[in-house]
Structure formats: C-alpha cells, structure tokens
Amino acid sequence: MPKLGPAVSSASGRAGRGRRVMTSLAEINVVPLVDVMLVLLIIFMVAAPMIQRGIDVKLPQSRRATSVTGERVEITLPDSIRRDAFVFVGKQQVKLKDLQEIVRQRMEGSATKEVFLRGDSSVQYQDLMNVIDALKAAGVQNIGMVARMPSER
C-alpha cells in the first residue's frame, strides 16, 4: 500500500502541488539476481573440467593393451620416485616405505586382491621391483600394468 507523505511547499511557485505518493521498497527485483546466478553457473561449468587434473605420467606404449572397467586400486609411479621416494595410491601421495601398510588396509575388505600399476616410462626397473615387492608383501595377488595404445596421446 503506498504511503502518503506530507505536502511539499517550495519557494519557486509550485505551492499547489498537493501530496506526494511514496512507494515502499519491500519487493526485491529478482531479474538481476537470476542474471548474475546464470553467469556464475556458466563460469563454473566451463572452469570445472579445467580444474580436475590427474597426475602427469607418460605411460609406455603397448599394442596389446586392453581397457579395464570397474573400480580398481591404482598405484602411480611418477618419474621423481628415485628423488623423493613417493608414489600415489589413487590421488593420495604416499611414501614408498608406507605403501605396504596402506595397500594392505585397502585390500582388507576386497574379494579380488589386484592392483594396477601406472608408471612413467622413465621409471627405472629397480624402482618398479621395489614397489612390486611392497605390493606382494601387502598380500596383493594380481598386479596389472597400465599402458596406452600407440594411437592414444
């Protein structure tokens, strides 16, 4: 309901104007809010795929590589394993000496005790053997090696 304000008198000769009607600003204009929200939604839709990044590893090539589906435990050996002795269990960075216990805990409830190794093509054979020894000591029965097809980037 509009509010009625007091009559305004001015010295410039407009004295007979009468009462002014003032409207209350109790209603929020939603259109600019929706516009801003849509712009933010578009920005996040474009930016979200760019934010999600994995671990950069140059996988070796194999002509007979097959794709594996389903949930799996992946151990990634980066090219810096010789320097800092870190590997990745999924996306979690783990010291090489703690790998056996962490994998044992993850395999505790699973029926298939298999792990997939992703290693950079520059990883040395001794580092690979150290990781395989830790996995075998943790009770892993099958170790799969992840490779890429020659046609993949």
C-alpha atoms as a PDB file:
ATOM      1  CA  MET A   1       0.000   0.000   0.000  1.00  0.00           C
ATOM      2  CA  PRO A   2       1.501   3.392  -0.939  1.00  0.00           C
ATOM      3  CA  LYS A   3       2.421   5.779   1.848  1.00  0.00           C
ATOM      4  CA  LEU A   4       1.304   9.362   1.759  1.00  0.00           C
ATOM      5  CA  GLY A   5       3.940  11.915   2.616  1.00  0.00           C
ATOM      6  CA  PRO A   6       3.473  15.489   3.835  1.00  0.00           C
ATOM      7  CA  ALA A   7       2.728  18.194   1.312  1.00  0.00           C
ATOM      8  CA  VAL A   8       5.837  19.795  -0.145  1.00  0.00           C
ATOM      9  CA  SER A   9       5.929  23.536  -0.489  1.00  0.00           C
ATOM     10  CA  SER A  10       8.614  25.262  -2.451  1.00  0.00           C
ATOM     11  CA  ALA A  11       9.550  28.872  -2.894  1.00  0.00           C
ATOM     12  CA  SER A  12       9.574  28.651  -6.664  1.00  0.00           C
ATOM     13  CA  GLY A  13       5.842  28.924  -7.156  1.00  0.00           C
ATOM     14  CA  ARG A  14       4.779  25.303  -7.172  1.00  0.00           C
ATOM     15  CA  ALA A  15       2.909  25.503  -3.918  1.00  0.00           C
ATOM     16  CA  GLY A  16      -0.350  23.958  -5.086  1.00  0.00           C
ATOM     17  CA  ARG A  17       1.037  20.566  -5.966  1.00  0.00           C
ATOM     18  CA  GLY A  18      -0.567  18.547  -3.200  1.00  0.00           C
ATOM     19  CA  ARG A  19       0.580  15.356  -1.509  1.00  0.00           C
ATOM     20  CA  ARG A  20       3.364  13.110  -2.854  1.00  0.00           C
ATOM     21  CA  VAL A  21       2.936   9.389  -3.070  1.00  0.00           C
ATOM     22  CA  MET A  22       5.981   7.339  -1.839  1.00  0.00           C
ATOM     23  CA  THR A  23       6.229   3.637  -2.600  1.00  0.00           C
ATOM     24  CA  SER A  24       7.979   1.238  -0.253  1.00  0.00           C
ATOM     25  CA  LEU A  25      10.870  -0.887  -1.496  1.00  0.00           C
ATOM     26  CA  ALA A  26       9.681  -4.091   0.132  1.00  0.00           C
ATOM     27  CA  GLU A  27       9.930  -6.106  -3.083  1.00  0.00           C
ATOM     28  CA  ILE A  28      13.284  -7.336  -4.374  1.00  0.00           C
ATOM     29  CA  ASN A  29      13.891  -7.205  -8.092  1.00  0.00           C
ATOM     30  CA  VAL A  30      14.825 -10.815  -8.891  1.00  0.00           C
ATOM     31  CA  VAL A  31      15.798 -10.404 -12.555  1.00  0.00           C
ATOM     32  CA  PRO A  32      19.340  -9.072 -11.932  1.00  0.00           C
ATOM     33  CA  LEU A  33      19.881 -11.779  -9.301  1.00  0.00           C
ATOM     34  CA  VAL A  34      18.903 -14.502 -11.780  1.00  0.00           C
ATOM     35  CA  ASP A  35      21.173 -12.970 -14.433  1.00  0.00           C
ATOM     36  CA  VAL A  36      24.147 -12.996 -12.084  1.00  0.00           C
ATOM     37  CA  MET A  37      23.440 -16.564 -10.997  1.00  0.00           C
ATOM     38  CA  LEU A  38      23.238 -17.772 -14.611  1.00  0.00           C
ATOM     39  CA  VAL A  39      26.548 -16.101 -15.450  1.00  0.00           C
ATOM     40  CA  LEU A  40      28.177 -17.733 -12.402  1.00  0.00           C
ATOM     41  CA  LEU A  41      26.721 -21.094 -13.393  1.00  0.00           C
ATOM     42  CA  ILE A  42      28.192 -20.813 -16.878  1.00  0.00           C
ATOM     43  CA  ILE A  43      31.583 -19.772 -15.477  1.00  0.00           C
ATOM     44  CA  PHE A  44      31.696 -22.779 -13.130  1.00  0.00           C
ATOM     45  CA  MET A  45      30.528 -25.164 -15.870  1.00  0.00           C
ATOM     46  CA  VAL A  46      33.388 -24.022 -18.095  1.00  0.00           C
ATOM     47  CA  ALA A  47      36.006 -23.889 -15.326  1.00  0.00           C
ATOM     48  CA  ALA A  48      35.224 -27.206 -13.572  1.00  0.00           C
ATOM     49  CA  PRO A  49      36.722 -29.539 -16.214  1.00  0.00           C
ATOM     50  CA  MET A  50      39.886 -27.436 -16.273  1.00  0.00           C
ATOM     51  CA  ILE A  51      40.351 -27.713 -12.516  1.00  0.00           C
ATOM     52  CA  GLN A  52      40.177 -31.511 -12.401  1.00  0.00           C
ATOM     53  CA  ARG A  53      43.619 -32.755 -13.271  1.00  0.00           C
ATOM     54  CA  GLY A  54      45.318 -36.005 -12.576  1.00  0.00           C
ATOM     55  CA  ILE A  55      48.939 -36.918 -12.147  1.00  0.00           C
ATOM     56  CA  ASP A  56      51.060 -36.375 -15.242  1.00  0.00           C
ATOM     57  CA  VAL A  57      52.610 -39.685 -16.231  1.00  0.00           C
ATOM     58  CA  LYS A  58      53.960 -40.666 -19.635  1.00  0.00           C
ATOM     59  CA  LEU A  59      52.708 -44.235 -19.934  1.00  0.00           C
ATOM     60  CA  PRO A  60      54.647 -46.667 -22.072  1.00  0.00           C
ATOM     61  CA  GLN A  61      53.004 -47.933 -25.253  1.00  0.00           C
ATOM     62  CA  SER A  62      51.689 -51.418 -25.878  1.00  0.00           C
ATOM     63  CA  ARG A  63      49.980 -52.788 -28.969  1.00  0.00           C
ATOM     64  CA  ARG A  64      48.002 -55.355 -26.963  1.00  0.00           C
ATOM     65  CA  ALA A  65      46.744 -53.079 -24.175  1.00  0.00           C
ATOM     66  CA  THR A  66      43.114 -53.594 -23.161  1.00  0.00           C
ATOM     67  CA  SER A  67      40.857 -51.293 -21.216  1.00  0.00           C
ATOM     68  CA  VAL A  68      39.825 -52.250 -17.683  1.00  0.00           C
ATOM     69  CA  THR A  69      36.446 -51.257 -16.274  1.00  0.00           C
ATOM     70  CA  GLY A  70      35.152 -51.188 -12.750  1.00  0.00           C
ATOM     71  CA  GLU A  71      36.626 -49.944  -9.510  1.00  0.00           C
ATOM     72  CA  ARG A  72      40.306 -50.576  -9.098  1.00  0.00           C
ATOM     73  CA  VAL A  73      43.236 -49.618  -6.914  1.00  0.00           C
ATOM     74  CA  GLU A  74      45.844 -47.756  -8.937  1.00  0.00           C
ATOM     75  CA  ILE A  75      49.423 -47.182  -7.871  1.00  0.00           C
ATOM     76  CA  THR A  76      51.159 -44.453  -9.869  1.00  0.00           C
ATOM     77  CA  LEU A  77      54.943 -44.254 -10.070  1.00  0.00           C
ATOM     78  CA  PRO A  78      55.982 -40.744 -11.120  1.00  0.00           C
ATOM     79  CA  ASP A  79      59.349 -40.054 -12.733  1.00  0.00           C
ATOM     80  CA  SER A  80      60.513 -38.428  -9.467  1.00  0.00           C
ATOM     81  CA  ILE A  81      60.300 -41.692  -7.461  1.00  0.00           C
ATOM     82  CA  ARG A  82      64.088 -42.036  -7.306  1.00  0.00           C
ATOM     83  CA  ARG A  83      64.492 -38.495  -5.875  1.00  0.00           C
ATOM     84  CA  ASP A  84      61.747 -38.284  -3.259  1.00  0.00           C
ATOM     85  CA  ALA A  85      60.505 -41.908  -2.835  1.00  0.00           C
ATOM     86  CA  PHE A  86      56.830 -41.004  -3.207  1.00  0.00           C
ATOM     87  CA  VAL A  87      54.160 -42.959  -5.081  1.00  0.00           C
ATOM     88  CA  PHE A  88      50.456 -42.257  -5.489  1.00  0.00           C
ATOM     89  CA  VAL A  89      47.708 -44.579  -4.295  1.00  0.00           C
ATOM     90  CA  GLY A  90      44.804 -43.223  -6.296  1.00  0.00           C
ATOM     91  CA  LYS A  91      45.369 -39.483  -5.869  1.00  0.00           C
ATOM     92  CA  GLN A  92      46.909 -39.758  -2.402  1.00  0.00           C
ATOM     93  CA  GLN A  93      50.667 -39.208  -2.204  1.00  0.00           C
ATOM     94  CA  VAL A  94      52.334 -41.913  -0.090  1.00  0.00           C
ATOM     95  CA  LYS A  95      55.923 -42.534   0.962  1.00  0.00           C
ATOM     96  CA  LEU A  96      57.309 -45.728  -0.512  1.00  0.00           C
ATOM     97  CA  LYS A  97      58.038 -47.171   2.941  1.00  0.00           C
ATOM     98  CA  ASP A  98      54.331 -46.730   3.937  1.00  0.00           C
ATOM     99  CA  LEU A  99      52.961 -48.245   0.722  1.00  0.00           C
ATOM    100  CA  GLN A 100      52.741 -51.809   2.043  1.00  0.00           C
ATOM    101  CA  GLU A 101      50.583 -50.897   5.053  1.00  0.00           C
ATOM    102  CA  ILE A 102      48.257 -48.572   3.104  1.00  0.00           C
ATOM    103  CA  VAL A 103      47.657 -51.142   0.352  1.00  0.00           C
ATOM    104  CA  ARG A 104      47.096 -53.875   2.951  1.00  0.00           C
ATOM    105  CA  GLN A 105      44.424 -51.711   4.612  1.00  0.00           C
ATOM    106  CA  ARG A 106      42.707 -51.016   1.295  1.00  0.00           C
ATOM    107  CA  MET A 107      42.737 -54.674   0.273  1.00  0.00           C
ATOM    108  CA  GLU A 108      41.406 -55.878   3.627  1.00  0.00           C
ATOM    109  CA  GLY A 109      37.748 -55.972   2.604  1.00  0.00           C
ATOM    110  CA  SER A 110      38.020 -56.636  -1.112  1.00  0.00           C
ATOM    111  CA  ALA A 111      37.474 -60.051  -2.640  1.00  0.00           C
ATOM    112  CA  THR A 112      39.873 -59.550  -5.556  1.00  0.00           C
ATOM    113  CA  LYS A 113      43.326 -58.622  -4.377  1.00  0.00           C
ATOM    114  CA  GLU A 114      44.522 -56.888  -7.507  1.00  0.00           C
ATOM    115  CA  VAL A 115      46.313 -53.612  -8.090  1.00  0.00           C
ATOM    116  CA  PHE A 116      47.100 -51.725 -11.277  1.00  0.00           C
ATOM    117  CA  LEU A 117      50.479 -50.049 -11.698  1.00  0.00           C
ATOM    118  CA  ARG A 118      50.783 -46.885 -13.730  1.00  0.00           C
ATOM    119  CA  GLY A 119      54.387 -45.897 -14.197  1.00  0.00           C
ATOM    120  CA  ASP A 120      56.158 -43.184 -16.077  1.00  0.00           C
ATOM    121  CA  SER A 121      58.162 -44.569 -18.975  1.00  0.00           C
ATOM    122  CA  SER A 122      61.354 -43.196 -17.408  1.00  0.00           C
ATOM    123  CA  VAL A 123      60.961 -45.124 -14.121  1.00  0.00           C
ATOM    124  CA  GLN A 124      63.906 -47.442 -13.529  1.00  0.00           C
ATOM    125  CA  TYR A 125      63.424 -51.167 -13.248  1.00  0.00           C
ATOM    126  CA  GLN A 126      64.741 -51.311  -9.655  1.00  0.00           C
ATOM    127  CA  ASP A 127      62.148 -48.778  -8.501  1.00  0.00           C
ATOM    128  CA  LEU A 128      59.433 -50.858 -10.153  1.00  0.00           C
ATOM    129  CA  MET A 129      60.703 -54.002  -8.398  1.00  0.00           C
ATOM    130  CA  ASN A 130      60.713 -52.199  -5.024  1.00  0.00           C
ATOM    131  CA  VAL A 131      57.056 -51.268  -5.489  1.00  0.00           C
ATOM    132  CA  ILE A 132      56.098 -54.780  -6.637  1.00  0.00           C
ATOM    133  CA  ASP A 133      57.859 -56.276  -3.588  1.00  0.00           C
ATOM    134  CA  ALA A 134      55.912 -53.959  -1.272  1.00  0.00           C
ATOM    135  CA  LEU A 135      52.639 -54.883  -3.002  1.00  0.00           C
ATOM    136  CA  LYS A 136      53.330 -58.625  -2.753  1.00  0.00           C
ATOM    137  CA  ALA A 137      54.202 -58.227   0.941  1.00  0.00           C
ATOM    138  CA  ALA A 138      50.845 -56.439   1.409  1.00  0.00           C
ATOM    139  CA  GLY A 139      49.002 -59.520   0.096  1.00  0.00           C
ATOM    140  CA  VAL A 140      48.248 -58.405  -3.451  1.00  0.00           C
ATOM    141  CA  GLN A 141      47.711 -61.439  -5.682  1.00  0.00           C
ATOM    142  CA  ASN A 142      47.472 -59.844  -9.144  1.00  0.00           C
ATOM    143  CA  ILE A 143      49.391 -56.808 -10.359  1.00  0.00           C
ATOM    144  CA  GLY A 144      48.302 -55.286 -13.662  1.00  0.00           C
ATOM    145  CA  MET A 145      50.462 -52.942 -15.677  1.00  0.00           C
ATOM    146  CA  VAL A 146      48.655 -49.981 -17.235  1.00  0.00           C
ATOM    147  CA  ALA A 147      49.844 -48.969 -20.702  1.00  0.00           C
ATOM    148  CA  ARG A 148      48.470 -46.879 -23.508  1.00  0.00           C
ATOM    149  CA  MET A 149      47.705 -47.810 -27.074  1.00  0.00           C
ATOM    150  CA  PRO A 150      50.006 -46.305 -29.730  1.00  0.00           C
ATOM    151  CA  SER A 151      47.083 -44.299 -31.104  1.00  0.00           C
ATOM    152  CA  GLU A 152      46.401 -42.574 -27.743  1.00  0.00           C
ATOM    153  CA  ARG A 153      48.078 -39.353 -26.751  1.00  0.00           C
END
